[in-house]
Amino acid sequence: MSQPAWLEKLFTAIDAKDAAAFADFLTEDAVFRFGNGTPARGRDEVREAVARFFAGVKSLKHSVHESWTVSDAVVMHGEVTYTRHDGSRLSVPFANVFKLDGTRVREYLVFADVSQLWS
């Protein structure tokens, strides 16, 4: 299946650790939840939460393997590789669910086990 055109641009912003560009893909009232963490609510709070996460890693690189668009949602899975500040790496599978309002994400759900990232 083909991916929405904006999806590659979104992951380019994420992999560049550009929290402001990431937030531009969100609605003003967006909700962002990473795993079982506390959801961030509102574009500004999400941008700040994502910026803190980005600061915790040296770099990250996503590879989206497949995505599916159904009415007002996009579901995808792939692999993300994190490079820690000490240069070591961790690769894990991920799945994301985006609930959309037009072409902006109003609910961004991340499912990935990053428990080993800081261990």
PDB file of N, CA and C in Angstrom:
ATOM      1  N   MET A   1       0.831  -1.183   0.000  1.00  0.00           N
ATOM      2  CA  MET A   1       0.000   0.000   0.000  1.00  0.00           C
ATOM      3  C   MET A   1       0.879   1.251   0.000  1.00  0.00           C
ATOM      4  N   SER A   2       0.406   2.273  -0.616  1.00  0.00           N
ATOM      5  CA  SER A   2       1.185   3.508  -0.652  1.00  0.00           C
ATOM      6  C   SER A   2       0.953   4.308   0.630  1.00  0.00           C
ATOM      7  N   GLN A   3       1.975   5.023   1.031  1.00  0.00           N
ATOM      8  CA  GLN A   3       1.916   5.845   2.226  1.00  0.00           C
ATOM      9  C   GLN A   3       1.416   7.233   1.856  1.00  0.00           C
ATOM     10  N   PRO A   4       0.735   7.897   2.786  1.00  0.00           N
ATOM     11  CA  PRO A   4       0.382   9.292   2.528  1.00  0.00           C
ATOM     12  C   PRO A   4       1.657  10.101   2.285  1.00  0.00           C
ATOM     13  N   ALA A   5       1.591  11.073   1.414  1.00  0.00           N
ATOM     14  CA  ALA A   5       2.773  11.863   1.040  1.00  0.00           C
ATOM     15  C   ALA A   5       3.425  12.533   2.254  1.00  0.00           C
ATOM     16  N   TRP A   6       2.638  12.964   3.227  1.00  0.00           N
ATOM     17  CA  TRP A   6       3.177  13.687   4.375  1.00  0.00           C
ATOM     18  C   TRP A   6       3.891  12.764   5.366  1.00  0.00           C
ATOM     19  N   LEU A   7       3.650  11.447   5.285  1.00  0.00           N
ATOM     20  CA  LEU A   7       4.210  10.526   6.266  1.00  0.00           C
ATOM     21  C   LEU A   7       5.741  10.503   6.224  1.00  0.00           C
ATOM     22  N   GLU A   8       6.304  10.471   5.035  1.00  0.00           N
ATOM     23  CA  GLU A   8       7.769  10.489   4.918  1.00  0.00           C
ATOM     24  C   GLU A   8       8.332  11.788   5.484  1.00  0.00           C
ATOM     25  N   LYS A   9       7.655  12.904   5.234  1.00  0.00           N
ATOM     26  CA  LYS A   9       8.117  14.190   5.765  1.00  0.00           C
ATOM     27  C   LYS A   9       8.058  14.212   7.292  1.00  0.00           C
ATOM     28  N   LEU A  10       7.028  13.594   7.863  1.00  0.00           N
ATOM     29  CA  LEU A  10       6.909  13.517   9.312  1.00  0.00           C
ATOM     30  C   LEU A  10       8.090  12.754   9.902  1.00  0.00           C
ATOM     31  N   PHE A  11       8.404  11.591   9.335  1.00  0.00           N
ATOM     32  CA  PHE A  11       9.504  10.801   9.881  1.00  0.00           C
ATOM     33  C   PHE A  11      10.866  11.444   9.600  1.00  0.00           C
ATOM     34  N   THR A  12      10.972  12.220   8.552  1.00  0.00           N
ATOM     35  CA  THR A  12      12.198  12.989   8.322  1.00  0.00           C
ATOM     36  C   THR A  12      12.387  13.997   9.447  1.00  0.00           C
ATOM     37  N   ALA A  13      11.310  14.666   9.859  1.00  0.00           N
ATOM     38  CA  ALA A  13      11.388  15.622  10.973  1.00  0.00           C
ATOM     39  C   ALA A  13      11.757  14.917  12.273  1.00  0.00           C
ATOM     40  N   ILE A  14      11.163  13.750  12.512  1.00  0.00           N
ATOM     41  CA  ILE A  14      11.462  13.003  13.734  1.00  0.00           C
ATOM     42  C   ILE A  14      12.929  12.586  13.737  1.00  0.00           C
ATOM     43  N   ASP A  15      13.390  12.003  12.630  1.00  0.00           N
ATOM     44  CA  ASP A  15      14.768  11.521  12.572  1.00  0.00           C
ATOM     45  C   ASP A  15      15.787  12.651  12.604  1.00  0.00           C
ATOM     46  N   ALA A  16      15.352  13.863  12.291  1.00  0.00           N
ATOM     47  CA  ALA A  16      16.218  15.042  12.419  1.00  0.00           C
ATOM     48  C   ALA A  16      16.161  15.620  13.840  1.00  0.00           C
ATOM     49  N   LYS A  17      15.346  15.007  14.698  1.00  0.00           N
ATOM     50  CA  LYS A  17      15.142  15.473  16.070  1.00  0.00           C
ATOM     51  C   LYS A  17      14.641  16.913  16.087  1.00  0.00           C
ATOM     52  N   ASP A  18      13.753  17.228  15.152  1.00  0.00           N
ATOM     53  CA  ASP A  18      13.209  18.570  15.006  1.00  0.00           C
ATOM     54  C   ASP A  18      11.803  18.604  15.610  1.00  0.00           C
ATOM     55  N   ALA A  19      11.740  18.895  16.903  1.00  0.00           N
ATOM     56  CA  ALA A  19      10.463  18.873  17.612  1.00  0.00           C
ATOM     57  C   ALA A  19       9.473  19.898  17.059  1.00  0.00           C
ATOM     58  N   ALA A  20       9.962  21.047  16.635  1.00  0.00           N
ATOM     59  CA  ALA A  20       9.066  22.074  16.087  1.00  0.00           C
ATOM     60  C   ALA A  20       8.446  21.608  14.771  1.00  0.00           C
ATOM     61  N   ALA A  21       9.253  21.025  13.885  1.00  0.00           N
ATOM     62  CA  ALA A  21       8.717  20.511  12.617  1.00  0.00           C
ATOM     63  C   ALA A  21       7.766  19.360  12.879  1.00  0.00           C
ATOM     64  N   PHE A  22       8.094  18.502  13.846  1.00  0.00           N
ATOM     65  CA  PHE A  22       7.206  17.407  14.238  1.00  0.00           C
ATOM     66  C   PHE A  22       5.840  17.963  14.646  1.00  0.00           C
ATOM     67  N   ALA A  23       5.852  18.987  15.497  1.00  0.00           N
ATOM     68  CA  ALA A  23       4.606  19.556  16.015  1.00  0.00           C
ATOM     69  C   ALA A  23       3.747  20.166  14.915  1.00  0.00           C
ATOM     70  N   ASP A  24       4.354  20.598  13.821  1.00  0.00           N
ATOM     71  CA  ASP A  24       3.592  21.174  12.708  1.00  0.00           C
ATOM     72  C   ASP A  24       2.640  20.161  12.067  1.00  0.00           C
ATOM     73  N   PHE A  25       2.863  18.873  12.296  1.00  0.00           N
ATOM     74  CA  PHE A  25       1.988  17.840  11.743  1.00  0.00           C
ATOM     75  C   PHE A  25       0.780  17.565  12.634  1.00  0.00           C
ATOM     76  N   LEU A  26       0.711  18.230  13.786  1.00  0.00           N
ATOM     77  CA  LEU A  26      -0.324  17.962  14.779  1.00  0.00           C
ATOM     78  C   LEU A  26      -1.414  19.025  14.782  1.00  0.00           C
ATOM     79  N   THR A  27      -2.602  18.617  15.228  1.00  0.00           N
ATOM     80  CA  THR A  27      -3.662  19.591  15.481  1.00  0.00           C
ATOM     81  C   THR A  27      -3.316  20.336  16.776  1.00  0.00           C
ATOM     82  N   GLU A  28      -3.940  21.471  17.005  1.00  0.00           N
ATOM     83  CA  GLU A  28      -3.695  22.252  18.226  1.00  0.00           C
ATOM     84  C   GLU A  28      -4.017  21.452  19.484  1.00  0.00           C
ATOM     85  N   ASP A  29      -5.040  20.593  19.412  1.00  0.00           N
ATOM     86  CA  ASP A  29      -5.469  19.823  20.585  1.00  0.00           C
ATOM     87  C   ASP A  29      -4.978  18.371  20.546  1.00  0.00           C
ATOM     88  N   ALA A  30      -3.896  18.121  19.849  1.00  0.00           N
ATOM     89  CA  ALA A  30      -3.387  16.761  19.667  1.00  0.00           C
ATOM     90  C   ALA A  30      -3.067  16.097  21.002  1.00  0.00           C
ATOM     91  N   VAL A  31      -3.179  14.766  20.986  1.00  0.00           N
ATOM     92  CA  VAL A  31      -2.783  13.934  22.121  1.00  0.00           C
ATOM     93  C   VAL A  31      -1.690  13.000  21.614  1.00  0.00           C
ATOM     94  N   PHE A  32      -0.606  12.892  22.398  1.00  0.00           N
ATOM     95  CA  PHE A  32       0.527  12.037  22.044  1.00  0.00           C
ATOM     96  C   PHE A  32       0.803  11.109  23.213  1.00  0.00           C
ATOM     97  N   ARG A  33       0.815   9.802  22.914  1.00  0.00           N
ATOM     98  CA  ARG A  33       1.127   8.827  23.967  1.00  0.00           C
ATOM     99  C   ARG A  33       2.178   7.856  23.459  1.00  0.00           C
ATOM    100  N   PHE A  34       3.255   7.723  24.206  1.00  0.00           N
ATOM    101  CA  PHE A  34       4.327   6.788  23.878  1.00  0.00           C
ATOM    102  C   PHE A  34       4.205   5.612  24.843  1.00  0.00           C
ATOM    103  N   GLY A  35       3.840   4.441  24.310  1.00  0.00           N
ATOM    104  CA  GLY A  35       3.689   3.242  25.135  1.00  0.00           C
ATOM    105  C   GLY A  35       2.669   3.464  26.229  1.00  0.00           C
ATOM    106  N   ASN A  36       3.058   3.100  27.447  1.00  0.00           N
ATOM    107  CA  ASN A  36       2.128   3.275  28.564  1.00  0.00           C
ATOM    108  C   ASN A  36       2.414   4.556  29.345  1.00  0.00           C
ATOM    109  N   GLY A  37       3.142   5.471  28.726  1.00  0.00           N
ATOM    110  CA  GLY A  37       3.444   6.756  29.364  1.00  0.00           C
ATOM    111  C   GLY A  37       2.224   7.648  29.461  1.00  0.00           C
ATOM    112  N   THR A  38       2.353   8.669  30.263  1.00  0.00           N
ATOM    113  CA  THR A  38       1.283   9.649  30.411  1.00  0.00           C
ATOM    114  C   THR A  38       1.136  10.440  29.118  1.00  0.00           C
ATOM    115  N   PRO A  39      -0.071  10.550  28.592  1.00  0.00           N
ATOM    116  CA  PRO A  39      -0.246  11.303  27.343  1.00  0.00           C
ATOM    117  C   PRO A  39       0.089  12.784  27.507  1.00  0.00           C
ATOM    118  N   ALA A  40       0.716  13.348  26.479  1.00  0.00           N
ATOM    119  CA  ALA A  40       0.904  14.798  26.391  1.00  0.00           C
ATOM    120  C   ALA A  40      -0.284  15.336  25.616  1.00  0.00           C
ATOM    121  N   ARG A  41      -0.806  16.470  26.037  1.00  0.00           N
ATOM    122  CA  ARG A  41      -2.023  17.017  25.429  1.00  0.00           C
ATOM    123  C   ARG A  41      -1.794  18.444  24.945  1.00  0.00           C
ATOM    124  N   GLY A  42      -2.158  18.680  23.710  1.00  0.00           N
ATOM    125  CA  GLY A  42      -1.979  19.994  23.105  1.00  0.00           C
ATOM    126  C   GLY A  42      -0.649  20.066  22.383  1.00  0.00           C
ATOM    127  N   ARG A  43      -0.632  20.762  21.253  1.00  0.00           N
ATOM    128  CA  ARG A  43       0.567  20.825  20.407  1.00  0.00           C
ATOM    129  C   ARG A  43       1.811  21.279  21.166  1.00  0.00           C
ATOM    130  N   ASP A  44       1.686  22.311  22.018  1.00  0.00           N
ATOM    131  CA  ASP A  44       2.852  22.823  22.732  1.00  0.00           C
ATOM    132  C   ASP A  44       3.401  21.802  23.721  1.00  0.00           C
ATOM    133  N   GLU A  45       2.520  21.151  24.476  1.00  0.00           N
ATOM    134  CA  GLU A  45       2.969  20.140  25.445  1.00  0.00           C
ATOM    135  C   GLU A  45       3.594  18.944  24.726  1.00  0.00           C
ATOM    136  N   VAL A  46       3.018  18.550  23.609  1.00  0.00           N
ATOM    137  CA  VAL A  46       3.576  17.436  22.840  1.00  0.00           C
ATOM    138  C   VAL A  46       4.968  17.811  22.324  1.00  0.00           C
ATOM    139  N   ARG A  47       5.104  19.004  21.770  1.00  0.00           N
ATOM    140  CA  ARG A  47       6.400  19.458  21.258  1.00  0.00           C
ATOM    141  C   ARG A  47       7.458  19.418  22.365  1.00  0.00           C
ATOM    142  N   GLU A  48       7.113  19.888  23.549  1.00  0.00           N
ATOM    143  CA  GLU A  48       8.058  19.884  24.667  1.00  0.00           C
ATOM    144  C   GLU A  48       8.411  18.463  25.100  1.00  0.00           C
ATOM    145  N   ALA A  49       7.429  17.578  25.166  1.00  0.00           N
ATOM    146  CA  ALA A  49       7.679  16.179  25.559  1.00  0.00           C
ATOM    147  C   ALA A  49       8.577  15.482  24.538  1.00  0.00           C
ATOM    148  N   VAL A  50       8.312  15.726  23.279  1.00  0.00           N
ATOM    149  CA  VAL A  50       9.113  15.108  22.219  1.00  0.00           C
ATOM    150  C   VAL A  50      10.534  15.682  22.228  1.00  0.00           C
ATOM    151  N   ALA A  51      10.677  16.969  22.469  1.00  0.00           N
ATOM    152  CA  ALA A  51      12.008  17.587  22.538  1.00  0.00           C
ATOM    153  C   ALA A  51      12.815  16.971  23.680  1.00  0.00           C
ATOM    154  N   ARG A  52      12.169  16.712  24.828  1.00  0.00           N
ATOM    155  CA  ARG A  52      12.871  16.070  25.949  1.00  0.00           C
ATOM    156  C   ARG A  52      13.323  14.660  25.551  1.00  0.00           C
ATOM    157  N   PHE A  53      12.464  13.923  24.859  1.00  0.00           N
ATOM    158  CA  PHE A  53      12.834  12.579  24.419  1.00  0.00           C
ATOM    159  C   PHE A  53      14.007  12.658  23.445  1.00  0.00           C
ATOM    160  N   PHE A  54      13.933  13.557  22.478  1.00  0.00           N
ATOM    161  CA  PHE A  54      15.017  13.724  21.502  1.00  0.00           C
ATOM    162  C   PHE A  54      16.343  14.023  22.199  1.00  0.00           C
ATOM    163  N   ALA A  55      16.310  14.841  23.264  1.00  0.00           N
ATOM    164  CA  ALA A  55      17.535  15.185  23.982  1.00  0.00           C
ATOM    165  C   ALA A  55      18.160  13.963  24.660  1.00  0.00           C
ATOM    166  N   GLY A  56      17.361  12.940  24.906  1.00  0.00           N
ATOM    167  CA  GLY A  56      17.842  11.750  25.582  1.00  0.00           C
ATOM    168  C   GLY A  56      18.603  10.777  24.700  1.00  0.00           C
ATOM    169  N   VAL A  57      18.577  11.012  23.389  1.00  0.00           N
ATOM    170  CA  VAL A  57      19.290  10.137  22.456  1.00  0.00           C
ATOM    171  C   VAL A  57      20.158  10.982  21.534  1.00  0.00           C
ATOM    172  N   LYS A  58      21.232  10.373  21.058  1.00  0.00           N
ATOM    173  CA  LYS A  58      22.104  11.080  20.115  1.00  0.00           C
ATOM    174  C   LYS A  58      21.429  11.199  18.758  1.00  0.00           C
ATOM    175  N   SER A  59      20.794  10.092  18.314  1.00  0.00           N
ATOM    176  CA  SER A  59      20.077  10.116  17.042  1.00  0.00           C
ATOM    177  C   SER A  59      19.075   8.975  16.996  1.00  0.00           C
ATOM    178  N   LEU A  60      18.202   9.025  16.008  1.00  0.00           N
ATOM    179  CA  LEU A  60      17.244   7.964  15.764  1.00  0.00           C
ATOM    180  C   LEU A  60      16.941   7.890  14.283  1.00  0.00           C
ATOM    181  N   LYS A  61      16.585   6.704  13.832  1.00  0.00           N
ATOM    182  CA  LYS A  61      16.286   6.491  12.414  1.00  0.00           C
ATOM    183  C   LYS A  61      15.159   5.483  12.306  1.00  0.00           C
ATOM    184  N   HIS A  62      14.072   5.901  11.658  1.00  0.00           N
ATOM    185  CA  HIS A  62      12.909   5.043  11.458  1.00  0.00           C
ATOM    186  C   HIS A  62      12.895   4.446  10.055  1.00  0.00           C
ATOM    187  N   SER A  63      12.425   3.236   9.979  1.00  0.00           N
ATOM    188  CA  SER A  63      12.145   2.595   8.708  1.00  0.00           C
ATOM    189  C   SER A  63      10.714   2.077   8.783  1.00  0.00           C
ATOM    190  N   VAL A  64       9.812   2.714   8.033  1.00  0.00           N
ATOM    191  CA  VAL A  64       8.416   2.282   8.005  1.00  0.00           C
ATOM    192  C   VAL A  64       8.306   1.154   6.985  1.00  0.00           C
ATOM    193  N   HIS A  65       7.903  -0.013   7.452  1.00  0.00           N
ATOM    194  CA  HIS A  65       7.791  -1.176   6.564  1.00  0.00           C
ATOM    195  C   HIS A  65       6.485  -1.193   5.794  1.00  0.00           C
ATOM    196  N   GLU A  66       5.389  -0.893   6.485  1.00  0.00           N
ATOM    197  CA  GLU A  66       4.076  -0.862   5.844  1.00  0.00           C
ATOM    198  C   GLU A  66       3.206   0.163   6.551  1.00  0.00           C
ATOM    199  N   SER A  67       2.253   0.700   5.820  1.00  0.00           N
ATOM    200  CA  SER A  67       1.256   1.582   6.425  1.00  0.00           C
ATOM    201  C   SER A  67      -0.071   1.360   5.731  1.00  0.00           C
ATOM    202  N   TRP A  68      -1.137   1.589   6.487  1.00  0.00           N
ATOM    203  CA  TRP A  68      -2.486   1.434   5.969  1.00  0.00           C
ATOM    204  C   TRP A  68      -3.291   2.661   6.347  1.00  0.00           C
ATOM    205  N   THR A  69      -4.018   3.197   5.404  1.00  0.00           N
ATOM    206  CA  THR A  69      -4.888   4.335   5.646  1.00  0.00           C
ATOM    207  C   THR A  69      -6.326   3.862   5.584  1.00  0.00           C
ATOM    208  N   VAL A  70      -7.078   4.172   6.622  1.00  0.00           N
ATOM    209  CA  VAL A  70      -8.501   3.844   6.671  1.00  0.00           C
ATOM    210  C   VAL A  70      -9.252   5.083   7.133  1.00  0.00           C
ATOM    211  N   SER A  71     -10.112   5.579   6.320  1.00  0.00           N
ATOM    212  CA  SER A  71     -10.880   6.806   6.552  1.00  0.00           C
ATOM    213  C   SER A  71     -10.048   7.872   7.262  1.00  0.00           C
ATOM    214  N   ASP A  72     -10.174   8.018   8.573  1.00  0.00           N
ATOM    215  CA  ASP A  72      -9.483   9.095   9.277  1.00  0.00           C
ATOM    216  C   ASP A  72      -8.354   8.585  10.165  1.00  0.00           C
ATOM    217  N   ALA A  73      -7.648   7.541   9.707  1.00  0.00           N
ATOM    218  CA  ALA A  73      -6.545   6.992  10.508  1.00  0.00           C
ATOM    219  C   ALA A  73      -5.474   6.387   9.601  1.00  0.00           C
ATOM    220  N   VAL A  74      -4.243   6.389  10.125  1.00  0.00           N
ATOM    221  CA  VAL A  74      -3.125   5.710   9.466  1.00  0.00           C
ATOM    222  C   VAL A  74      -2.497   4.802  10.524  1.00  0.00           C
ATOM    223  N   VAL A  75      -2.264   3.564  10.137  1.00  0.00           N
ATOM    224  CA  VAL A  75      -1.623   2.579  11.005  1.00  0.00           C
ATOM    225  C   VAL A  75      -0.346   2.140  10.298  1.00  0.00           C
ATOM    226  N   MET A  76       0.730   1.976  11.044  1.00  0.00           N
ATOM    227  CA  MET A  76       1.983   1.581  10.407  1.00  0.00           C
ATOM    228  C   MET A  76       2.823   0.750  11.362  1.00  0.00           C
ATOM    229  N   HIS A  77       3.802   0.059  10.791  1.00  0.00           N
ATOM    230  CA  HIS A  77       4.789  -0.623  11.622  1.00  0.00           C
ATOM    231  C   HIS A  77       6.126  -0.552  10.912  1.00  0.00           C
ATOM    232  N   GLY A  78       7.175  -0.726  11.699  1.00  0.00           N
ATOM    233  CA  GLY A  78       8.518  -0.670  11.149  1.00  0.00           C
ATOM    234  C   GLY A  78       9.535  -0.930  12.225  1.00  0.00           C
ATOM    235  N   GLU A  79      10.714  -0.368  12.018  1.00  0.00           N
ATOM    236  CA  GLU A  79      11.802  -0.518  12.972  1.00  0.00           C
ATOM    237  C   GLU A  79      12.432   0.848  13.200  1.00  0.00           C
ATOM    238  N   VAL A  80      12.810   1.102  14.439  1.00  0.00           N
ATOM    239  CA  VAL A  80      13.506   2.338  14.776  1.00  0.00           C
ATOM    240  C   VAL A  80      14.826   1.960  15.428  1.00  0.00           C
ATOM    241  N   THR A  81      15.876   2.646  15.028  1.00  0.00           N
ATOM    242  CA  THR A  81      17.194   2.452  15.622  1.00  0.00           C
ATOM    243  C   THR A  81      17.568   3.731  16.358  1.00  0.00           C
ATOM    244  N   TYR A  82      17.832   3.571  17.647  1.00  0.00           N
ATOM    245  CA  TYR A  82      18.263   4.673  18.494  1.00  0.00           C
ATOM    246  C   TYR A  82      19.774   4.572  18.677  1.00  0.00           C
ATOM    247  N   THR A  83      20.456   5.691  18.591  1.00  0.00           N
ATOM    248  CA  THR A  83      21.867   5.762  18.948  1.00  0.00           C
ATOM    249  C   THR A  83      21.940   6.546  20.251  1.00  0.00           C
ATOM    250  N   ARG A  84      22.496   5.888  21.256  1.00  0.00           N
ATOM    251  CA  ARG A  84      22.629   6.523  22.567  1.00  0.00           C
ATOM    252  C   ARG A  84      23.785   7.524  22.524  1.00  0.00           C
ATOM    253  N   HIS A  85      23.859   8.371  23.532  1.00  0.00           N
ATOM    254  CA  HIS A  85      24.930   9.371  23.603  1.00  0.00           C
ATOM    255  C   HIS A  85      26.313   8.728  23.704  1.00  0.00           C
ATOM    256  N   ASP A  86      26.384   7.484  24.184  1.00  0.00           N
ATOM    257  CA  ASP A  86      27.682   6.795  24.252  1.00  0.00           C
ATOM    258  C   ASP A  86      28.037   6.095  22.940  1.00  0.00           C
ATOM    259  N   GLY A  87      27.172   6.234  21.923  1.00  0.00           N
ATOM    260  CA  GLY A  87      27.427   5.650  20.607  1.00  0.00           C
ATOM    261  C   GLY A  87      26.839   4.270  20.408  1.00  0.00           C
ATOM    262  N   SER A  88      26.394   3.600  21.470  1.00  0.00           N
ATOM    263  CA  SER A  88      25.785   2.280  21.317  1.00  0.00           C
ATOM    264  C   SER A  88      24.390   2.427  20.707  1.00  0.00           C
ATOM    265  N   ARG A  89      23.910   1.350  20.115  1.00  0.00           N
ATOM    266  CA  ARG A  89      22.635   1.402  19.388  1.00  0.00           C
ATOM    267  C   ARG A  89      21.655   0.362  19.901  1.00  0.00           C
ATOM    268  N   LEU A  90      20.385   0.685  19.725  1.00  0.00           N
ATOM    269  CA  LEU A  90      19.287  -0.229  20.029  1.00  0.00           C
ATOM    270  C   LEU A  90      18.272  -0.117  18.904  1.00  0.00           C
ATOM    271  N   SER A  91      17.922  -1.255  18.294  1.00  0.00           N
ATOM    272  CA  SER A  91      16.878  -1.293  17.268  1.00  0.00           C
ATOM    273  C   SER A  91      15.689  -2.069  17.811  1.00  0.00           C
ATOM    274  N   VAL A  92      14.505  -1.506  17.650  1.00  0.00           N
ATOM    275  CA  VAL A  92      13.285  -2.154  18.125  1.00  0.00           C
ATOM    276  C   VAL A  92      12.175  -1.981  17.088  1.00  0.00           C
ATOM    277  N   PRO A  93      11.246  -2.941  17.059  1.00  0.00           N
ATOM    278  CA  PRO A  93      10.079  -2.760  16.202  1.00  0.00           C
ATOM    279  C   PRO A  93       9.139  -1.733  16.831  1.00  0.00           C
ATOM    280  N   PHE A  94       8.363  -1.080  15.991  1.00  0.00           N
ATOM    281  CA  PHE A  94       7.358  -0.143  16.492  1.00  0.00           C
ATOM    282  C   PHE A  94       6.085  -0.277  15.660  1.00  0.00           C
ATOM    283  N   ALA A  95       5.000   0.157  16.257  1.00  0.00           N
ATOM    284  CA  ALA A  95       3.731   0.325  15.551  1.00  0.00           C
ATOM    285  C   ALA A  95       3.166   1.659  16.004  1.00  0.00           C
ATOM    286  N   ASN A  96       2.622   2.408  15.068  1.00  0.00           N
ATOM    287  CA  ASN A  96       2.000   3.695  15.375  1.00  0.00           C
ATOM    288  C   ASN A  96       0.583   3.707  14.840  1.00  0.00           C
ATOM    289  N   VAL A  97      -0.262   4.402  15.563  1.00  0.00           N
ATOM    290  CA  VAL A  97      -1.627   4.664  15.114  1.00  0.00           C
ATOM    291  C   VAL A  97      -1.800   6.172  15.139  1.00  0.00           C
ATOM    292  N   PHE A  98      -2.168   6.728  14.002  1.00  0.00           N
ATOM    293  CA  PHE A  98      -2.466   8.156  13.895  1.00  0.00           C
ATOM    294  C   PHE A  98      -3.954   8.311  13.614  1.00  0.00           C
ATOM    295  N   LYS A  99      -4.637   9.027  14.463  1.00  0.00           N
ATOM    296  CA  LYS A  99      -6.021   9.416  14.183  1.00  0.00           C
ATOM    297  C   LYS A  99      -5.948  10.828  13.634  1.00  0.00           C
ATOM    298  N   LEU A 100      -6.581  11.046  12.503  1.00  0.00           N
ATOM    299  CA  LEU A 100      -6.384  12.279  11.740  1.00  0.00           C
ATOM    300  C   LEU A 100      -7.564  13.226  11.803  1.00  0.00           C
ATOM    301  N   ASP A 101      -7.244  14.485  11.600  1.00  0.00           N
ATOM    302  CA  ASP A 101      -8.208  15.540  11.324  1.00  0.00           C
ATOM    303  C   ASP A 101      -7.711  16.180  10.038  1.00  0.00           C
ATOM    304  N   GLY A 102      -8.243  15.732   8.918  1.00  0.00           N
ATOM    305  CA  GLY A 102      -7.710  16.145   7.620  1.00  0.00           C
ATOM    306  C   GLY A 102      -6.350  15.507   7.427  1.00  0.00           C
ATOM    307  N   THR A 103      -5.317  16.335   7.236  1.00  0.00           N
ATOM    308  CA  THR A 103      -3.955  15.810   7.078  1.00  0.00           C
ATOM    309  C   THR A 103      -3.104  16.051   8.330  1.00  0.00           C
ATOM    310  N   ARG A 104      -3.734  16.474   9.413  1.00  0.00           N
ATOM    311  CA  ARG A 104      -3.011  16.669  10.676  1.00  0.00           C
ATOM    312  C   ARG A 104      -3.373  15.550  11.647  1.00  0.00           C
ATOM    313  N   VAL A 105      -2.398  15.218  12.494  1.00  0.00           N
ATOM    314  CA  VAL A 105      -2.583  14.149  13.463  1.00  0.00           C
ATOM    315  C   VAL A 105      -3.203  14.733  14.731  1.00  0.00           C
ATOM    316  N   ARG A 106      -4.354  14.201  15.136  1.00  0.00           N
ATOM    317  CA  ARG A 106      -4.988  14.653  16.375  1.00  0.00           C
ATOM    318  C   ARG A 106      -4.745  13.690  17.526  1.00  0.00           C
ATOM    319  N   GLU A 107      -4.428  12.427  17.204  1.00  0.00           N
ATOM    320  CA  GLU A 107      -4.045  11.469  18.235  1.00  0.00           C
ATOM    321  C   GLU A 107      -2.904  10.628  17.682  1.00  0.00           C
ATOM    322  N   TYR A 108      -1.774  10.627  18.384  1.00  0.00           N
ATOM    323  CA  TYR A 108      -0.551   9.970  17.937  1.00  0.00           C
ATOM    324  C   TYR A 108      -0.186   8.933  18.993  1.00  0.00           C
ATOM    325  N   LEU A 109      -0.342   7.667  18.660  1.00  0.00           N
ATOM    326  CA  LEU A 109      -0.097   6.581  19.598  1.00  0.00           C
ATOM    327  C   LEU A 109       1.109   5.781  19.126  1.00  0.00           C
ATOM    328  N   VAL A 110       2.108   5.633  19.991  1.00  0.00           N
ATOM    329  CA  VAL A 110       3.338   4.904  19.683  1.00  0.00           C
ATOM    330  C   VAL A 110       3.372   3.637  20.530  1.00  0.00           C
ATOM    331  N   PHE A 111       3.633   2.514  19.876  1.00  0.00           N
ATOM    332  CA  PHE A 111       3.773   1.237  20.563  1.00  0.00           C
ATOM    333  C   PHE A 111       5.161   0.690  20.240  1.00  0.00           C
ATOM    334  N   ALA A 112       6.073   0.800  21.199  1.00  0.00           N
ATOM    335  CA  ALA A 112       7.446   0.316  21.045  1.00  0.00           C
ATOM    336  C   ALA A 112       7.990   0.057  22.445  1.00  0.00           C
ATOM    337  N   ASP A 113       8.784  -0.998  22.566  1.00  0.00           N
ATOM    338  CA  ASP A 113       9.405  -1.302  23.850  1.00  0.00           C
ATOM    339  C   ASP A 113      10.805  -0.695  23.867  1.00  0.00           C
ATOM    340  N   VAL A 114      10.932   0.451  24.517  1.00  0.00           N
ATOM    341  CA  VAL A 114      12.217   1.130  24.622  1.00  0.00           C
ATOM    342  C   VAL A 114      12.806   0.982  26.021  1.00  0.00           C
ATOM    343  N   SER A 115      12.341  -0.020  26.764  1.00  0.00           N
ATOM    344  CA  SER A 115      12.788  -0.202  28.140  1.00  0.00           C
ATOM    345  C   SER A 115      14.291  -0.418  28.255  1.00  0.00           C
ATOM    346  N   GLN A 116      14.938  -0.908  27.212  1.00  0.00           N
ATOM    347  CA  GLN A 116      16.390  -1.126  27.238  1.00  0.00           C
ATOM    348  C   GLN A 116      17.181   0.106  26.783  1.00  0.00           C
ATOM    349  N   LEU A 117      16.488   1.140  26.356  1.00  0.00           N
ATOM    350  CA  LEU A 117      17.186   2.298  25.788  1.00  0.00           C
ATOM    351  C   LEU A 117      18.108   2.966  26.803  1.00  0.00           C
ATOM    352  N   TRP A 118      17.682   3.086  28.027  1.00  0.00           N
ATOM    353  CA  TRP A 118      18.483   3.755  29.049  1.00  0.00           C
ATOM    354  C   TRP A 118      18.987   2.805  30.121  1.00  0.00           C
ATOM    355  N   SER A 119      19.028   1.507  29.817  1.00  0.00           N
ATOM    356  CA  SER A 119      19.516   0.544  30.824  1.00  0.00           C
ATOM    357  C   SER A 119      20.969   0.214  30.640  1.00  0.00           C
TER     358      SER A 119
END
